[in-house]
């Protein structure tokens, strides 16, 4: 209700803090599915980048501790048009991050929505490399 009131009086829904984080970055970081949906309905830029080039999708995957909630957030973001292949300043795509974090369900979801399994980051690594280094055979098999 308060957010609606602020928006009605002209608050900038896409404003960012000193690190470039928008409200959407923050609620993705906090794993708040309800607020992610609410903010997207208010027109927040879904692929906004913070100072390290991370989008809300990157933030959700890199900072989640609950894979069940995470898959819901990822589904909401992707369904609403989040780019699954956007790379941050390190060249990491959301698929790289999901591989690093060992999230098989997220890897499979991203692949099913067009993520490039052959994306190479600035260190020359693909998501597959991280799956192998983390000894995640099933995850690595998904990436082949």
Protein backbone atom coordinates (compact mmCIF):
# COMPACT_ATOMS: atom_id res chain seq x y z
CA UNK A 1 0.00 0.00 0.00
CA UNK A 2 2.78 2.43 0.94
CA UNK A 3 4.70 1.64 -2.23
CA UNK A 4 1.58 2.24 -4.32
CA UNK A 5 1.18 5.62 -2.65
CA UNK A 6 4.80 6.58 -3.33
CA UNK A 7 4.46 5.56 -6.97
CA UNK A 8 1.19 7.48 -7.29
CA UNK A 9 3.05 10.59 -6.10
CA UNK A 10 5.83 10.18 -8.64
CA UNK A 11 8.49 8.06 -6.94
CA UNK A 12 11.01 6.67 -9.44
CA UNK A 13 10.47 2.91 -9.39
CA UNK A 14 13.84 2.31 -11.06
CA UNK A 15 15.96 4.43 -8.73
CA UNK A 16 19.18 2.79 -7.59
CA UNK A 17 21.46 3.10 -4.57
CA UNK A 18 25.18 3.98 -4.68
CA UNK A 19 25.96 0.39 -5.77
CA UNK A 20 23.47 0.51 -8.60
CA UNK A 21 21.06 -1.84 -6.86
CA UNK A 22 17.41 -1.20 -7.68
CA UNK A 23 14.50 -2.27 -5.52
CA UNK A 24 14.22 -5.35 -7.73
CA UNK A 25 17.86 -6.30 -7.07
CA UNK A 26 17.22 -6.05 -3.35
CA UNK A 27 14.02 -8.12 -3.23
CA UNK A 28 15.63 -10.78 -5.43
CA UNK A 29 18.59 -10.84 -3.02
CA UNK A 30 16.12 -11.24 -0.13
CA UNK A 31 14.22 -14.05 -1.91
CA UNK A 32 10.89 -12.25 -1.62
CA UNK A 33 8.72 -13.76 -4.37
CA UNK A 34 5.66 -11.66 -3.55
CA UNK A 35 7.61 -8.40 -3.77
CA UNK A 36 9.35 -9.47 -6.99
CA UNK A 37 5.93 -9.97 -8.59
CA UNK A 38 4.63 -6.70 -7.12
CA UNK A 39 7.59 -4.64 -8.35
CA UNK A 40 7.50 -6.17 -11.82
CA UNK A 41 3.84 -5.20 -12.04
CA UNK A 42 4.92 -1.63 -11.26
CA UNK A 43 7.19 -1.53 -14.29
CA UNK A 44 10.65 -1.96 -12.83
CA UNK A 45 13.40 -2.57 -15.36
CA UNK A 46 13.90 -6.33 -15.24
CA UNK A 47 17.48 -6.38 -16.58
CA UNK A 48 18.84 -3.34 -14.72
CA UNK A 49 22.53 -3.71 -13.86
CA UNK A 50 24.26 -2.76 -10.67
CA UNK A 51 27.90 -1.56 -10.58
CA UNK A 52 29.31 -5.07 -11.14
CA UNK A 53 26.96 -5.65 -14.06
CA UNK A 54 24.70 -8.06 -12.18
CA UNK A 55 21.02 -8.15 -13.05
CA UNK A 56 18.26 -9.09 -10.60
CA UNK A 57 18.45 -12.62 -12.06
CA UNK A 58 22.16 -12.81 -11.18
CA UNK A 59 21.40 -11.51 -7.68
CA UNK A 60 18.63 -14.01 -7.04
CA UNK A 61 20.81 -16.96 -8.03
CA UNK A 62 24.03 -15.82 -6.39
CA UNK A 63 22.56 -14.90 -3.04
CA UNK A 64 19.83 -17.46 -2.47
CA UNK A 65 19.88 -19.98 0.34
CA UNK A 66 16.54 -21.60 -0.47
CA UNK A 67 16.42 -23.39 -3.82
CA UNK A 68 12.64 -23.84 -3.68
CA UNK A 69 12.04 -20.10 -3.33
CA UNK A 70 14.79 -19.41 -5.82
CA UNK A 71 13.16 -21.42 -8.60
CA UNK A 72 9.95 -19.44 -8.07
CA UNK A 73 11.83 -16.13 -8.35
CA UNK A 74 13.76 -17.28 -11.42
CA UNK A 75 10.52 -18.42 -13.07
CA UNK A 76 8.87 -15.05 -12.37
CA UNK A 77 11.86 -13.12 -13.73
CA UNK A 78 12.26 -15.26 -16.86
CA UNK A 79 8.51 -15.35 -17.55
CA UNK A 80 8.51 -11.55 -17.37
CA UNK A 81 11.33 -11.25 -19.90
CA UNK A 82 14.62 -11.41 -17.97
CA UNK A 83 17.53 -12.11 -20.31
CA UNK A 84 18.97 -15.52 -19.36
CA UNK A 85 22.27 -14.82 -21.15
CA UNK A 86 23.21 -11.40 -19.79
CA UNK A 87 26.77 -11.45 -18.51
CA UNK A 88 28.13 -9.41 -15.62
CA UNK A 89 31.50 -7.61 -15.61
CA UNK A 90 33.25 -10.96 -15.01
CA UNK A 91 31.49 -12.41 -18.03
CA UNK A 92 29.37 -14.69 -15.85
CA UNK A 93 25.84 -15.42 -17.05
CA UNK A 94 23.09 -16.60 -14.70
CA UNK A 95 23.95 -20.13 -15.90
CA UNK A 96 27.56 -19.71 -14.73
CA UNK A 97 26.29 -18.57 -11.33
CA UNK A 98 23.83 -21.46 -11.04
CA UNK A 99 26.64 -23.90 -11.88
CA UNK A 100 28.95 -22.34 -9.31
CA UNK A 101 26.18 -22.54 -6.67
CA UNK A 102 25.39 -26.17 -7.67
CA UNK A 103 21.71 -25.47 -8.40
CA UNK A 104 20.72 -28.30 -10.73
CA UNK A 105 17.07 -27.26 -10.92
CA UNK A 106 18.04 -23.69 -11.86
CA UNK A 107 20.55 -24.90 -14.45
CA UNK A 108 17.87 -27.09 -16.04
CA UNK A 109 15.31 -24.28 -15.95
CA UNK A 110 17.70 -21.78 -17.55
CA UNK A 111 18.72 -24.29 -20.23
CA UNK A 112 15.04 -24.98 -20.94
CA UNK A 113 14.58 -21.24 -21.46
CA UNK A 114 17.39 -20.79 -23.94
CA UNK A 115 20.46 -20.14 -21.78
CA UNK A 116 23.71 -20.75 -23.66
CA UNK A 117 25.62 -23.65 -22.05
CA UNK A 118 28.72 -22.67 -24.05
CA UNK A 119 28.94 -19.09 -22.75
CA UNK A 120 32.53 -18.25 -21.86
CA UNK A 121 33.34 -15.84 -19.04
CA UNK A 122 36.35 -13.53 -18.76
CA UNK A 123 38.47 -16.34 -17.29
CA UNK A 124 37.69 -18.57 -20.26
CA UNK A 125 35.32 -20.84 -18.33
CA UNK A 126 31.92 -22.21 -19.28
CA UNK A 127 29.23 -23.31 -16.81
CA UNK A 128 30.38 -26.88 -17.50
CA UNK A 129 33.84 -26.12 -16.09
CA UNK A 130 32.30 -25.09 -12.76
CA UNK A 131 30.13 -28.20 -12.64
CA UNK A 132 33.21 -30.39 -13.13
CA UNK A 133 35.31 -28.47 -10.59
CA UNK A 134 32.47 -28.77 -8.07
CA UNK A 135 32.22 -32.52 -8.78
CA UNK A 136 28.59 -32.19 -9.85
CA UNK A 137 28.25 -35.00 -12.42
CA UNK A 138 24.49 -34.67 -12.90
CA UNK A 139 24.81 -30.91 -13.34
CA UNK A 140 27.70 -31.38 -15.79
CA UNK A 141 25.66 -33.94 -17.75
CA UNK A 142 22.82 -31.41 -18.05
CA UNK A 143 25.21 -28.92 -19.59
CA UNK A 144 26.42 -31.27 -22.33
